[in-house]
Amino acid sequence: MNSLAVVIGATGLEGKALTDRLAAAGHIHRVVTLTRRPADHPGAKVENRVVDFDRLEAYAPLFRFKRCWIPDCRV
C-alpha cells in the first residue's frame, strides 16, 4: 500500500523537521506539504502545494483520501 503524509504548515521549524522525518521514513511513499509560500524540501518524495488558507474549500480535491489516519499532535 502506498502511504501518503500531508503536512500543513511545513515552512516553520517543526513543520520542516516533520517533513524531513516523513520523507526519510521507508513506509511513507509521498509527502504533500500545504504552505502559504513555496517551501523547498529536498527529496523526490516531497511535493509542495501553495494554498490560500482562507479559501481551503477551493483545494477540496487535495483532501480526498481512501483512508485517513490523523495522529494526536497535542504538545
PDB file of N, CA and C in Angstrom:
ATOM      1  N   MET A   1       0.838  -1.173   0.000  1.00  0.00           N
ATOM      2  CA  MET A   1       0.000   0.000   0.000  1.00  0.00           C
ATOM      3  C   MET A   1       0.886   1.240   0.000  1.00  0.00           C
ATOM      4  N   ASN A   2       0.523   2.227  -0.817  1.00  0.00           N
ATOM      5  CA  ASN A   2       1.251   3.485  -0.851  1.00  0.00           C
ATOM      6  C   ASN A   2       0.725   4.395   0.250  1.00  0.00           C
ATOM      7  N   SER A   3       1.632   4.887   1.092  1.00  0.00           N
ATOM      8  CA  SER A   3       1.239   5.770   2.184  1.00  0.00           C
ATOM      9  C   SER A   3       1.558   7.204   1.832  1.00  0.00           C
ATOM     10  N   LEU A   4       0.592   8.078   2.087  1.00  0.00           N
ATOM     11  CA  LEU A   4       0.717   9.499   1.833  1.00  0.00           C
ATOM     12  C   LEU A   4       0.647  10.230   3.155  1.00  0.00           C
ATOM     13  N   ALA A   5       1.558  11.170   3.364  1.00  0.00           N
ATOM     14  CA  ALA A   5       1.519  12.031   4.544  1.00  0.00           C
ATOM     15  C   ALA A   5       1.273  13.454   4.070  1.00  0.00           C
ATOM     16  N   VAL A   6       0.401  14.172   4.785  1.00  0.00           N
ATOM     17  CA  VAL A   6       0.117  15.563   4.472  1.00  0.00           C
ATOM     18  C   VAL A   6       0.566  16.396   5.664  1.00  0.00           C
ATOM     19  N   VAL A   7       1.395  17.399   5.396  1.00  0.00           N
ATOM     20  CA  VAL A   7       1.878  18.293   6.449  1.00  0.00           C
ATOM     21  C   VAL A   7       1.342  19.690   6.143  1.00  0.00           C
ATOM     22  N   ILE A   8       0.595  20.232   7.075  1.00  0.00           N
ATOM     23  CA  ILE A   8       0.053  21.583   6.917  1.00  0.00           C
ATOM     24  C   ILE A   8       0.935  22.518   7.725  1.00  0.00           C
ATOM     25  N   GLY A   9       1.539  23.473   7.042  1.00  0.00           N
ATOM     26  CA  GLY A   9       2.445  24.396   7.710  1.00  0.00           C
ATOM     27  C   GLY A   9       3.850  23.836   7.785  1.00  0.00           C
ATOM     28  N   ALA A  10       4.458  23.585   6.646  1.00  0.00           N
ATOM     29  CA  ALA A  10       5.764  22.921   6.603  1.00  0.00           C
ATOM     30  C   ALA A  10       6.928  23.886   6.427  1.00  0.00           C
ATOM     31  N   THR A  11       6.709  25.183   6.669  1.00  0.00           N
ATOM     32  CA  THR A  11       7.808  26.135   6.486  1.00  0.00           C
ATOM     33  C   THR A  11       8.468  26.532   7.798  1.00  0.00           C
ATOM     34  N   GLY A  12       7.840  26.241   8.900  1.00  0.00           N
ATOM     35  CA  GLY A  12       8.418  26.562  10.209  1.00  0.00           C
ATOM     36  C   GLY A  12       9.387  25.486  10.669  1.00  0.00           C
ATOM     37  N   LEU A  13       9.984  25.706  11.808  1.00  0.00           N
ATOM     38  CA  LEU A  13      10.988  24.787  12.344  1.00  0.00           C
ATOM     39  C   LEU A  13      10.433  23.376  12.531  1.00  0.00           C
ATOM     40  N   GLU A  14       9.290  23.264  13.186  1.00  0.00           N
ATOM     41  CA  GLU A  14       8.710  21.939  13.445  1.00  0.00           C
ATOM     42  C   GLU A  14       8.171  21.296  12.178  1.00  0.00           C
ATOM     43  N   GLY A  15       7.531  22.084  11.330  1.00  0.00           N
ATOM     44  CA  GLY A  15       6.997  21.550  10.077  1.00  0.00           C
ATOM     45  C   GLY A  15       8.087  21.021   9.161  1.00  0.00           C
ATOM     46  N   LYS A  16       9.200  21.756   9.077  1.00  0.00           N
ATOM     47  CA  LYS A  16      10.333  21.291   8.265  1.00  0.00           C
ATOM     48  C   LYS A  16      10.898  19.991   8.820  1.00  0.00           C
ATOM     49  N   ALA A  17      11.064  19.939  10.142  1.00  0.00           N
ATOM     50  CA  ALA A  17      11.613  18.732  10.768  1.00  0.00           C
ATOM     51  C   ALA A  17      10.688  17.538  10.542  1.00  0.00           C
ATOM     52  N   LEU A  18       9.387  17.743  10.694  1.00  0.00           N
ATOM     53  CA  LEU A  18       8.423  16.661  10.469  1.00  0.00           C
ATOM     54  C   LEU A  18       8.466  16.193   9.021  1.00  0.00           C
ATOM     55  N   THR A  19       8.510  17.137   8.083  1.00  0.00           N
ATOM     56  CA  THR A  19       8.565  16.791   6.665  1.00  0.00           C
ATOM     57  C   THR A  19       9.820  15.987   6.355  1.00  0.00           C
ATOM     58  N   ASP A  20      10.957  16.398   6.900  1.00  0.00           N
ATOM     59  CA  ASP A  20      12.211  15.662   6.689  1.00  0.00           C
ATOM     60  C   ASP A  20      12.120  14.239   7.227  1.00  0.00           C
ATOM     61  N   ARG A  21      11.532  14.078   8.416  1.00  0.00           N
ATOM     62  CA  ARG A  21      11.400  12.735   9.009  1.00  0.00           C
ATOM     63  C   ARG A  21      10.463  11.857   8.187  1.00  0.00           C
ATOM     64  N   LEU A  22       9.362  12.426   7.736  1.00  0.00           N
ATOM     65  CA  LEU A  22       8.422  11.652   6.925  1.00  0.00           C
ATOM     66  C   LEU A  22       9.038  11.264   5.587  1.00  0.00           C
ATOM     67  N   ALA A  23       9.799  12.179   4.984  1.00  0.00           N
ATOM     68  CA  ALA A  23      10.448  11.884   3.702  1.00  0.00           C
ATOM     69  C   ALA A  23      11.494  10.787   3.847  1.00  0.00           C
ATOM     70  N   ALA A  24      12.103  10.695   5.015  1.00  0.00           N
ATOM     71  CA  ALA A  24      13.127   9.671   5.249  1.00  0.00           C
ATOM     72  C   ALA A  24      12.529   8.324   5.662  1.00  0.00           C
ATOM     73  N   ALA A  25      11.255   8.308   6.035  1.00  0.00           N
ATOM     74  CA  ALA A  25      10.611   7.075   6.502  1.00  0.00           C
ATOM     75  C   ALA A  25      10.355   6.129   5.332  1.00  0.00           C
ATOM     76  N   GLY A  26      10.727   4.893   5.506  1.00  0.00           N
ATOM     77  CA  GLY A  26      10.576   3.899   4.451  1.00  0.00           C
ATOM     78  C   GLY A  26       9.136   3.551   4.119  1.00  0.00           C
ATOM     79  N   HIS A  27       8.247   3.664   5.098  1.00  0.00           N
ATOM     80  CA  HIS A  27       6.844   3.284   4.865  1.00  0.00           C
ATOM     81  C   HIS A  27       6.007   4.416   4.264  1.00  0.00           C
ATOM     82  N   ILE A  28       6.568   5.598   4.153  1.00  0.00           N
ATOM     83  CA  ILE A  28       5.871   6.726   3.531  1.00  0.00           C
ATOM     84  C   ILE A  28       6.366   6.856   2.095  1.00  0.00           C
ATOM     85  N   HIS A  29       5.438   6.846   1.145  1.00  0.00           N
ATOM     86  CA  HIS A  29       5.819   6.904  -0.264  1.00  0.00           C
ATOM     87  C   HIS A  29       5.729   8.300  -0.851  1.00  0.00           C
ATOM     88  N   ARG A  30       4.927   9.171  -0.220  1.00  0.00           N
ATOM     89  CA  ARG A  30       4.770  10.528  -0.743  1.00  0.00           C
ATOM     90  C   ARG A  30       4.402  11.463   0.402  1.00  0.00           C
ATOM     91  N   VAL A  31       4.999  12.655   0.399  1.00  0.00           N
ATOM     92  CA  VAL A  31       4.701  13.678   1.399  1.00  0.00           C
ATOM     93  C   VAL A  31       4.214  14.921   0.652  1.00  0.00           C
ATOM     94  N   VAL A  32       3.013  15.380   0.989  1.00  0.00           N
ATOM     95  CA  VAL A  32       2.471  16.598   0.390  1.00  0.00           C
ATOM     96  C   VAL A  32       2.468  17.665   1.475  1.00  0.00           C
ATOM     97  N   THR A  33       3.099  18.799   1.187  1.00  0.00           N
ATOM     98  CA  THR A  33       3.104  19.902   2.142  1.00  0.00           C
ATOM     99  C   THR A  33       2.183  21.001   1.635  1.00  0.00           C
ATOM    100  N   LEU A  34       1.369  21.537   2.535  1.00  0.00           N
ATOM    101  CA  LEU A  34       0.481  22.652   2.228  1.00  0.00           C
ATOM    102  C   LEU A  34       1.022  23.872   2.957  1.00  0.00           C
ATOM    103  N   THR A  35       1.402  24.892   2.195  1.00  0.00           N
ATOM    104  CA  THR A  35       2.036  26.067   2.776  1.00  0.00           C
ATOM    105  C   THR A  35       1.483  27.352   2.169  1.00  0.00           C
ATOM    106  N   ARG A  36       1.710  28.465   2.856  1.00  0.00           N
ATOM    107  CA  ARG A  36       1.295  29.775   2.350  1.00  0.00           C
ATOM    108  C   ARG A  36       2.241  30.288   1.270  1.00  0.00           C
ATOM    109  N   ARG A  37       3.510  29.890   1.369  1.00  0.00           N
ATOM    110  CA  ARG A  37       4.508  30.308   0.395  1.00  0.00           C
ATOM    111  C   ARG A  37       5.313  29.090  -0.019  1.00  0.00           C
ATOM    112  N   PRO A  38       6.009  29.141  -1.152  1.00  0.00           N
ATOM    113  CA  PRO A  38       6.773  27.978  -1.605  1.00  0.00           C
ATOM    114  C   PRO A  38       7.769  27.506  -0.550  1.00  0.00           C
ATOM    115  N   ALA A  39       7.867  26.197  -0.421  1.00  0.00           N
ATOM    116  CA  ALA A  39       8.784  25.591   0.547  1.00  0.00           C
ATOM    117  C   ALA A  39       9.686  24.610  -0.183  1.00  0.00           C
ATOM    118  N   ASP A  40      10.960  24.733   0.053  1.00  0.00           N
ATOM    119  CA  ASP A  40      11.925  23.799  -0.527  1.00  0.00           C
ATOM    120  C   ASP A  40      12.232  22.692   0.462  1.00  0.00           C
ATOM    121  N   HIS A  41      11.987  21.487   0.055  1.00  0.00           N
ATOM    122  CA  HIS A  41      12.349  20.317   0.853  1.00  0.00           C
ATOM    123  C   HIS A  41      13.065  19.357  -0.080  1.00  0.00           C
ATOM    124  N   PRO A  42      14.250  18.933   0.318  1.00  0.00           N
ATOM    125  CA  PRO A  42      14.976  18.007  -0.552  1.00  0.00           C
ATOM    126  C   PRO A  42      14.283  16.647  -0.614  1.00  0.00           C
ATOM    127  N   GLY A  43      14.441  15.997  -1.709  1.00  0.00           N
ATOM    128  CA  GLY A  43      13.906  14.649  -1.844  1.00  0.00           C
ATOM    129  C   GLY A  43      12.786  14.563  -2.857  1.00  0.00           C
ATOM    130  N   ALA A  44      12.766  13.470  -3.565  1.00  0.00           N
ATOM    131  CA  ALA A  44      11.776  13.257  -4.623  1.00  0.00           C
ATOM    132  C   ALA A  44      10.389  12.949  -4.067  1.00  0.00           C
ATOM    133  N   LYS A  45      10.300  12.540  -2.803  1.00  0.00           N
ATOM    134  CA  LYS A  45       9.008  12.165  -2.228  1.00  0.00           C
ATOM    135  C   LYS A  45       8.172  13.361  -1.790  1.00  0.00           C
ATOM    136  N   VAL A  46       8.777  14.551  -1.703  1.00  0.00           N
ATOM    137  CA  VAL A  46       8.077  15.716  -1.159  1.00  0.00           C
ATOM    138  C   VAL A  46       7.520  16.579  -2.293  1.00  0.00           C
ATOM    139  N   GLU A  47       6.225  16.877  -2.182  1.00  0.00           N
ATOM    140  CA  GLU A  47       5.532  17.726  -3.163  1.00  0.00           C
ATOM    141  C   GLU A  47       4.892  18.884  -2.409  1.00  0.00           C
ATOM    142  N   ASN A  48       5.263  20.104  -2.743  1.00  0.00           N
ATOM    143  CA  ASN A  48       4.739  21.286  -2.061  1.00  0.00           C
ATOM    144  C   ASN A  48       3.569  21.883  -2.841  1.00  0.00           C
ATOM    145  N   ARG A  49       2.510  22.217  -2.126  1.00  0.00           N
ATOM    146  CA  ARG A  49       1.357  22.897  -2.705  1.00  0.00           C
ATOM    147  C   ARG A  49       1.158  24.197  -1.940  1.00  0.00           C
ATOM    148  N   VAL A  50       1.220  25.319  -2.639  1.00  0.00           N
ATOM    149  CA  VAL A  50       0.960  26.618  -2.026  1.00  0.00           C
ATOM    150  C   VAL A  50      -0.548  26.845  -2.051  1.00  0.00           C
ATOM    151  N   VAL A  51      -1.134  27.112  -0.879  1.00  0.00           N
ATOM    152  CA  VAL A  51      -2.585  27.271  -0.772  1.00  0.00           C
ATOM    153  C   VAL A  51      -2.924  28.563  -0.034  1.00  0.00           C
ATOM    154  N   ASP A  52      -4.119  29.039  -0.283  1.00  0.00           N
ATOM    155  CA  ASP A  52      -4.669  30.180   0.446  1.00  0.00           C
ATOM    156  C   ASP A  52      -5.522  29.577   1.563  1.00  0.00           C
ATOM    157  N   PHE A  53      -5.041  29.655   2.787  1.00  0.00           N
ATOM    158  CA  PHE A  53      -5.729  29.010   3.900  1.00  0.00           C
ATOM    159  C   PHE A  53      -7.080  29.651   4.208  1.00  0.00           C
ATOM    160  N   ASP A  54      -7.338  30.833   3.652  1.00  0.00           N
ATOM    161  CA  ASP A  54      -8.649  31.456   3.821  1.00  0.00           C
ATOM    162  C   ASP A  54      -9.667  30.904   2.830  1.00  0.00           C
ATOM    163  N   ARG A  55      -9.194  30.121   1.850  1.00  0.00           N
ATOM    164  CA  ARG A  55     -10.080  29.535   0.831  1.00  0.00           C
ATOM    165  C   ARG A  55      -9.798  28.035   0.672  1.00  0.00           C
ATOM    166  N   LEU A  56      -9.695  27.317   1.753  1.00  0.00           N
ATOM    167  CA  LEU A  56      -9.351  25.891   1.686  1.00  0.00           C
ATOM    168  C   LEU A  56     -10.360  25.074   0.888  1.00  0.00           C
ATOM    169  N   GLU A  57     -11.615  25.511   0.853  1.00  0.00           N
ATOM    170  CA  GLU A  57     -12.617  24.754   0.095  1.00  0.00           C
ATOM    171  C   GLU A  57     -12.242  24.656  -1.380  1.00  0.00           C
ATOM    172  N   ALA A  58     -11.481  25.596  -1.889  1.00  0.00           N
ATOM    173  CA  ALA A  58     -11.045  25.560  -3.289  1.00  0.00           C
ATOM    174  C   ALA A  58     -10.061  24.414  -3.546  1.00  0.00           C
ATOM    175  N   TYR A  59      -9.491  23.869  -2.477  1.00  0.00           N
ATOM    176  CA  TYR A  59      -8.498  22.807  -2.601  1.00  0.00           C
ATOM    177  C   TYR A  59      -9.051  21.451  -2.166  1.00  0.00           C
ATOM    178  N   ALA A  60     -10.361  21.316  -2.123  1.00  0.00           N
ATOM    179  CA  ALA A  60     -11.007  20.083  -1.662  1.00  0.00           C
ATOM    180  C   ALA A  60     -10.468  18.825  -2.339  1.00  0.00           C
ATOM    181  N   PRO A  61     -10.154  18.834  -3.637  1.00  0.00           N
ATOM    182  CA  PRO A  61      -9.625  17.611  -4.251  1.00  0.00           C
ATOM    183  C   PRO A  61      -8.327  17.108  -3.607  1.00  0.00           C
ATOM    184  N   LEU A  62      -7.580  17.986  -2.967  1.00  0.00           N
ATOM    185  CA  LEU A  62      -6.349  17.552  -2.290  1.00  0.00           C
ATOM    186  C   LEU A  62      -6.635  16.709  -1.062  1.00  0.00           C
ATOM    187  N   PHE A  63      -7.868  16.802  -0.537  1.00  0.00           N
ATOM    188  CA  PHE A  63      -8.198  16.143   0.718  1.00  0.00           C
ATOM    189  C   PHE A  63      -9.076  14.913   0.538  1.00  0.00           C
ATOM    190  N   ARG A  64      -9.110  14.356  -0.651  1.00  0.00           N
ATOM    191  CA  ARG A  64      -9.904  13.146  -0.889  1.00  0.00           C
ATOM    192  C   ARG A  64      -8.984  11.936  -0.802  1.00  0.00           C
ATOM    193  N   PHE A  65      -9.149  11.179   0.287  1.00  0.00           N
ATOM    194  CA  PHE A  65      -8.309  10.015   0.537  1.00  0.00           C
ATOM    195  C   PHE A  65      -9.176   8.777   0.691  1.00  0.00           C
ATOM    196  N   LYS A  66      -8.626   7.635   0.354  1.00  0.00           N
ATOM    197  CA  LYS A  66      -9.349   6.377   0.554  1.00  0.00           C
ATOM    198  C   LYS A  66      -9.424   6.051   2.037  1.00  0.00           C
ATOM    199  N   ARG A  67      -8.306   6.249   2.726  1.00  0.00           N
ATOM    200  CA  ARG A  67      -8.258   6.021   4.166  1.00  0.00           C
ATOM    201  C   ARG A  67      -7.448   7.144   4.784  1.00  0.00           C
ATOM    202  N   CYS A  68      -7.786   7.507   5.988  1.00  0.00           N
ATOM    203  CA  CYS A  68      -7.102   8.621   6.639  1.00  0.00           C
ATOM    204  C   CYS A  68      -6.876   8.299   8.106  1.00  0.00           C
ATOM    205  N   TRP A  69      -5.690   8.598   8.590  1.00  0.00           N
ATOM    206  CA  TRP A  69      -5.346   8.450   9.994  1.00  0.00           C
ATOM    207  C   TRP A  69      -4.774   9.770  10.453  1.00  0.00           C
ATOM    208  N   ILE A  70      -5.368  10.344  11.461  1.00  0.00           N
ATOM    209  CA  ILE A  70      -4.894  11.621  11.996  1.00  0.00           C
ATOM    210  C   ILE A  70      -4.330  11.376  13.389  1.00  0.00           C
ATOM    211  N   PRO A  71      -3.025  11.584  13.537  1.00  0.00           N
ATOM    212  CA  PRO A  71      -2.418  11.353  14.854  1.00  0.00           C
ATOM    213  C   PRO A  71      -2.804  12.442  15.837  1.00  0.00           C
ATOM    214  N   ASP A  72      -2.690  12.133  17.098  1.00  0.00           N
ATOM    215  CA  ASP A  72      -2.918  13.109  18.158  1.00  0.00           C
ATOM    216  C   ASP A  72      -1.640  13.923  18.281  1.00  0.00           C
ATOM    217  N   CYS A  73      -1.678  15.172  17.841  1.00  0.00           N
ATOM    218  CA  CYS A  73      -0.474  16.002  17.785  1.00  0.00           C
ATOM    219  C   CYS A  73      -0.409  17.023  18.900  1.00  0.00           C
ATOM    220  N   ARG A  74      -1.156  16.834  19.956  1.00  0.00           N
ATOM    221  CA  ARG A  74      -1.105  17.813  21.044  1.00  0.00           C
ATOM    222  C   ARG A  74       0.253  17.770  21.712  1.00  0.00           C
ATOM    223  N   VAL A  75       0.755  18.947  22.036  1.00  0.00           N
ATOM    224  CA  VAL A  75       2.073  19.039  22.690  1.00  0.00           C
ATOM    225  C   VAL A  75       1.890  19.295  24.154  1.00  0.00           C
TER     226      VAL A  75
END
